[in-house]
Protein backbone atom coordinates (compact mmCIF):
# COMPACT_ATOMS: atom_id res chain seq x y z
CA MET A 1 63.66 -49.49 41.99
CA ARG A 2 64.32 -48.59 38.35
CA SER A 3 66.47 -51.72 37.87
CA LEU A 4 63.70 -53.87 39.40
CA SER A 5 61.12 -52.36 37.05
CA SER A 6 63.38 -53.04 34.06
CA LEU A 7 63.82 -56.64 35.19
CA LEU A 8 60.06 -57.13 35.43
CA VAL A 9 59.56 -55.74 31.93
CA VAL A 10 62.19 -58.12 30.51
CA ALA A 11 60.65 -61.06 32.38
CA SER A 12 57.20 -60.21 31.01
CA LEU A 13 58.47 -60.05 27.45
CA PHE A 14 60.28 -63.38 27.90
CA LEU A 15 57.09 -64.99 29.19
CA LEU A 16 55.14 -63.69 26.21
CA PHE A 17 57.76 -65.22 23.91
CA LEU A 18 57.53 -68.59 25.67
CA LEU A 19 53.74 -68.64 25.47
CA SER A 20 53.89 -68.00 21.72
CA CYS A 21 56.27 -70.91 21.06
CA ASP A 22 55.46 -74.47 20.11
CA ASN A 23 56.89 -77.56 21.82
CA ASP A 24 60.16 -77.26 19.89
CA GLY A 25 60.64 -73.64 20.86
CA HIS A 26 59.52 -72.24 17.52
CA GLN A 27 57.42 -69.13 17.79
CA THR A 28 53.84 -69.57 16.64
CA THR A 29 51.10 -67.03 16.00
CA SER A 30 47.37 -67.20 15.49
CA GLN A 31 46.44 -68.56 12.08
CA PHE A 32 43.91 -65.75 11.68
CA PRO A 33 44.14 -61.95 11.81
CA HIS A 34 43.68 -60.38 15.22
CA ASN A 35 40.11 -59.27 15.87
CA ASP A 36 38.07 -57.73 18.63
CA SER A 37 35.87 -60.69 19.57
CA GLY A 38 38.06 -61.92 22.40
CA THR A 39 40.84 -64.18 23.59
CA ILE A 40 40.62 -67.73 24.86
CA VAL A 41 43.67 -69.08 26.69
CA ALA A 42 44.18 -72.83 27.14
CA ILE A 43 46.25 -73.56 30.25
CA GLY A 44 47.60 -76.95 31.24
CA ASP A 45 50.33 -79.51 30.78
CA SER A 46 51.43 -81.63 27.80
CA LEU A 47 47.82 -82.56 27.02
CA THR A 48 47.24 -78.89 26.25
CA ALA A 49 50.68 -78.14 24.82
CA GLY A 50 50.21 -80.96 22.31
CA TYR A 51 53.14 -83.22 23.12
CA GLY A 52 54.13 -85.37 20.16
CA VAL A 53 52.09 -83.55 17.50
CA PRO A 54 52.74 -80.36 15.47
CA SER A 55 51.61 -77.21 17.27
CA THR A 56 48.97 -76.70 14.57
CA GLN A 57 47.36 -80.02 15.60
CA ALA A 58 47.22 -79.44 19.35
CA TYR A 59 43.68 -78.90 20.56
CA PRO A 60 43.95 -75.08 21.03
CA ALA A 61 44.96 -74.61 17.38
CA GLN A 62 42.24 -76.96 16.16
CA LEU A 63 39.72 -75.20 18.38
CA GLU A 64 40.61 -71.81 16.92
CA ARG A 65 40.11 -73.13 13.38
CA ARG A 66 36.76 -74.63 14.31
CA LEU A 67 35.57 -71.38 15.90
CA GLN A 68 36.71 -69.29 12.96
CA ALA A 69 35.03 -71.62 10.49
CA ASP A 70 31.77 -71.25 12.43
CA GLY A 71 32.00 -67.46 12.47
CA HIS A 72 33.24 -67.04 16.04
CA HIS A 73 36.24 -64.75 15.68
CA TYR A 74 38.17 -65.61 18.81
CA ARG A 75 41.90 -66.03 19.21
CA VAL A 76 42.92 -69.21 21.06
CA VAL A 77 46.33 -69.12 22.76
CA ASN A 78 48.10 -72.32 23.76
CA ALA A 79 49.63 -71.72 27.20
CA GLY A 80 50.29 -75.39 27.93
CA VAL A 81 53.65 -76.49 29.36
CA SER A 82 54.70 -80.12 29.09
CA GLY A 83 55.52 -81.74 32.43
CA GLU A 84 53.85 -79.03 34.48
CA THR A 85 52.07 -79.83 37.75
CA SER A 86 49.29 -77.82 39.36
CA SER A 87 51.96 -76.10 41.48
CA GLY A 88 53.66 -74.92 38.30
CA THR A 89 50.39 -73.68 36.85
CA LEU A 90 49.64 -71.76 40.03
CA SER A 91 53.10 -70.18 40.02
CA ARG A 92 52.51 -68.63 36.58
CA ILE A 93 48.78 -67.96 36.55
CA ASP A 94 49.18 -64.25 37.34
CA TRP A 95 51.79 -63.85 34.58
CA ILE A 96 49.53 -65.55 32.05
CA VAL A 97 46.50 -63.44 32.91
CA ASN A 98 48.41 -60.16 32.99
CA ALA A 99 50.29 -60.88 29.76
CA LEU A 100 47.50 -62.36 27.66
CA GLN A 101 44.38 -60.68 29.11
CA PRO A 102 42.06 -63.63 28.42
CA ASP A 103 38.29 -63.36 28.30
CA ILE A 104 37.89 -67.11 28.65
CA VAL A 105 40.28 -69.66 30.13
CA ILE A 106 40.25 -73.42 29.60
CA ILE A 107 42.12 -74.94 32.54
CA ALA A 108 43.21 -78.60 32.45
CA SER A 109 45.78 -79.05 35.19
CA GLY A 110 46.81 -81.82 37.56
CA GLY A 111 47.54 -84.81 35.34
CA ASN A 112 51.20 -84.81 36.29
CA ASP A 113 50.27 -84.49 39.96
CA GLY A 114 48.41 -87.75 39.57
CA LEU A 115 51.26 -89.50 37.76
CA ARG A 116 53.55 -88.51 40.65
CA ALA A 117 50.95 -89.52 43.24
CA THR A 118 51.08 -85.99 44.66
CA SER A 119 48.93 -85.38 47.72
CA THR A 120 45.34 -84.78 46.64
CA GLU A 121 45.11 -82.11 49.34
CA LEU A 122 47.91 -80.17 47.66
CA LEU A 123 46.26 -80.63 44.26
CA LYS A 124 42.98 -79.36 45.68
CA LYS A 125 44.67 -76.37 47.30
CA ASN A 126 46.44 -75.42 44.05
CA LEU A 127 43.36 -75.78 41.87
CA LYS A 128 41.27 -73.68 44.26
CA ALA A 129 43.90 -70.93 44.20
CA ILE A 130 44.03 -71.02 40.38
CA LEU A 131 40.25 -70.79 40.03
CA LYS A 132 40.05 -68.04 42.64
CA ALA A 133 42.66 -65.98 40.77
CA LEU A 134 40.65 -66.30 37.54
CA GLU A 135 37.29 -65.66 39.23
CA GLN A 136 38.56 -62.48 40.90
CA ARG A 137 39.44 -61.08 37.47
CA GLY A 138 36.00 -61.81 36.06
CA ILE A 139 37.33 -64.39 33.59
CA ILE A 140 34.92 -67.06 32.33
CA ILE A 141 36.34 -70.47 33.26
CA ILE A 142 36.06 -73.84 31.58
CA PHE A 143 37.40 -76.30 34.17
CA CYS A 144 38.42 -79.76 32.96
CA GLY A 145 38.53 -82.83 35.15
CA MET A 146 41.20 -85.50 34.96
CA ARG A 147 41.26 -89.26 35.44
CA MET A 148 44.18 -91.37 36.52
CA LEU A 149 45.83 -94.65 35.54
CA PRO A 150 44.49 -97.69 37.43
CA ASN A 151 47.95 -98.87 38.52
CA LEU A 152 48.17 -96.15 41.21
CA GLY A 153 46.14 -98.25 43.60
CA PRO A 154 42.52 -98.58 44.71
CA TYR A 155 42.62 -95.59 47.06
CA TYR A 156 44.59 -92.86 45.31
CA ARG A 157 42.75 -93.00 42.00
CA PRO A 158 39.19 -92.34 43.30
CA ASP A 159 40.50 -89.66 45.69
CA PHE A 160 42.30 -87.96 42.82
CA GLU A 161 39.34 -88.05 40.44
CA ALA A 162 36.95 -86.80 43.14
CA VAL A 163 38.96 -83.57 43.53
CA TYR A 164 37.65 -82.03 40.30
CA PRO A 165 33.85 -82.30 40.71
CA SER A 166 34.11 -81.29 44.37
CA ILE A 167 35.95 -78.08 43.44
CA ALA A 168 33.70 -77.38 40.43
CA LYS A 169 30.71 -77.11 42.79
CA ARG A 170 32.36 -74.26 44.69
CA TYR A 171 33.29 -71.98 41.80
CA PRO A 172 31.42 -70.39 38.87
CA VAL A 173 32.86 -72.68 36.21
CA LEU A 174 31.69 -74.62 33.20
CA PHE A 175 32.77 -78.10 34.29
CA VAL A 176 34.03 -80.67 31.79
CA PRO A 177 34.17 -83.96 33.74
CA PHE A 178 37.02 -85.42 31.66
CA LEU A 179 39.17 -83.64 29.08
CA LEU A 180 39.95 -86.82 27.11
CA GLU A 181 36.41 -88.21 26.95
CA GLY A 182 36.09 -90.35 23.83
CA VAL A 183 39.86 -90.54 23.37
CA VAL A 184 41.15 -92.75 26.18
CA GLY A 185 40.70 -96.40 25.29
CA GLU A 186 40.75 -95.75 21.55
CA ARG A 187 44.15 -96.98 20.36
CA SER A 188 43.96 -95.12 17.07
CA LEU A 189 43.53 -91.82 18.93
CA ILE A 190 46.39 -92.25 21.42
CA GLN A 191 50.13 -92.10 20.75
CA ASN A 192 52.41 -95.05 21.48
CA ASP A 193 53.10 -93.74 24.99
CA GLY A 194 49.51 -94.60 25.88
CA ILE A 195 48.85 -91.13 27.32
CA HIS A 196 48.91 -88.34 24.73
CA PRO A 197 46.37 -87.95 21.92
CA THR A 198 47.29 -88.10 18.26
CA ALA A 199 46.23 -85.27 15.95
CA GLU A 200 43.01 -87.18 15.32
CA GLY A 201 42.61 -87.62 19.06
CA TYR A 202 42.83 -83.87 19.54
CA THR A 203 40.06 -83.44 16.98
CA VAL A 204 37.88 -85.55 19.27
CA VAL A 205 38.96 -83.39 22.24
CA VAL A 206 37.80 -80.28 20.37
CA GLU A 207 34.49 -81.94 19.48
CA HIS A 208 33.97 -82.75 23.16
CA LEU A 209 34.96 -79.28 24.39
CA TYR A 210 33.11 -77.31 21.73
CA PRO A 211 29.66 -77.07 23.39
CA TYR A 212 31.32 -75.78 26.58
CA VAL A 213 33.29 -73.21 24.61
CA LEU A 214 30.14 -72.01 22.84
CA GLN A 215 28.42 -71.69 26.21
CA ALA A 216 31.39 -69.69 27.54
CA ILE A 217 31.22 -67.38 24.50
CA HIS A 218 27.50 -66.89 25.07
CA LEU A 219 28.13 -65.96 28.72
CA LEU A 220 30.91 -63.57 27.70
CA GLU A 221 28.85 -61.82 25.06
CA GLU A 222 25.89 -61.55 27.43
CA LYS A 223 28.20 -60.04 30.03
CA GLN A 224 29.55 -57.56 27.45
CA ARG A 225 26.03 -56.53 26.42
CA GLN A 226 25.07 -55.97 30.04
CA HIS A 227 28.20 -53.89 30.59
CA LYS A 228 27.38 -51.69 27.57
CA LYS A 229 23.83 -51.25 28.79
CA GLU A 230 24.98 -50.21 32.27
CA LYS A 231 27.54 -47.85 30.74
CA ALA A 232 24.87 -46.21 28.58
CA VAL A 233 22.65 -45.70 31.60
CA LYS A 234 25.49 -44.07 33.57
CA GLU A 235 26.39 -41.80 30.66
CA GLY A 236 22.75 -40.82 30.30
CA GLN A 237 22.55 -39.94 33.97
CA LYS A 238 25.69 -37.83 33.75
CA GLY A 239 24.23 -35.95 30.79
CA GLY A 240 21.07 -35.17 32.73
CA LEU A 241 18.88 -37.41 30.58
CA VAL A 242 15.86 -39.03 32.16
CA LEU A 243 15.57 -42.63 31.04
CA LYS A 244 12.00 -43.90 30.93
CA THR A 245 11.35 -47.39 32.25
């Protein structure tokens, strides 16, 4: 049992190292001092990881700078993995949550499922399990929808895109219908591969996501205030105080 515990500790430390590395394997840290406001974790594939751009230009890094500039002192961690499917995200969701202890999660998963024409039933099953795992931990969720390339046929594409809004109705999430709204179709904002945003494209992604993030922060801070209020009431009752209503 001791050897198993040691192995789990090593695995956890290795995961933390991977999540703090950019796409080239170089370790990256928050650009701002750690603070007590909270942690936002961005989970997804190469669209989150920032394939083809410096790690400082991926949307999580740009989002952190925008929040800090506006006086919202939150750390934003990029937990994106290029090439990952929803099955891969599901396989590591517990590790991410346990290691990073997020207050808010931005989840944008499933793009690679679509490119591989993976069963939409499997995609739906994975996304439900991911959202359930986050909901059970009381994490505020920003859930991003995906769209698919038209060359996958007239049937698969609408079935794929319908997965996201149908799931969003069943869970307490802030639903972003499409992560790349305002980017797709703009040649100057997309890299030569026709899929991944440029640095400027990621700026547009942040602009699109920002109102949802502010709403998530509002919900979190309201939740924290309510928790403090309930705690004060309990402490008052233990001390024999009578609270007037």
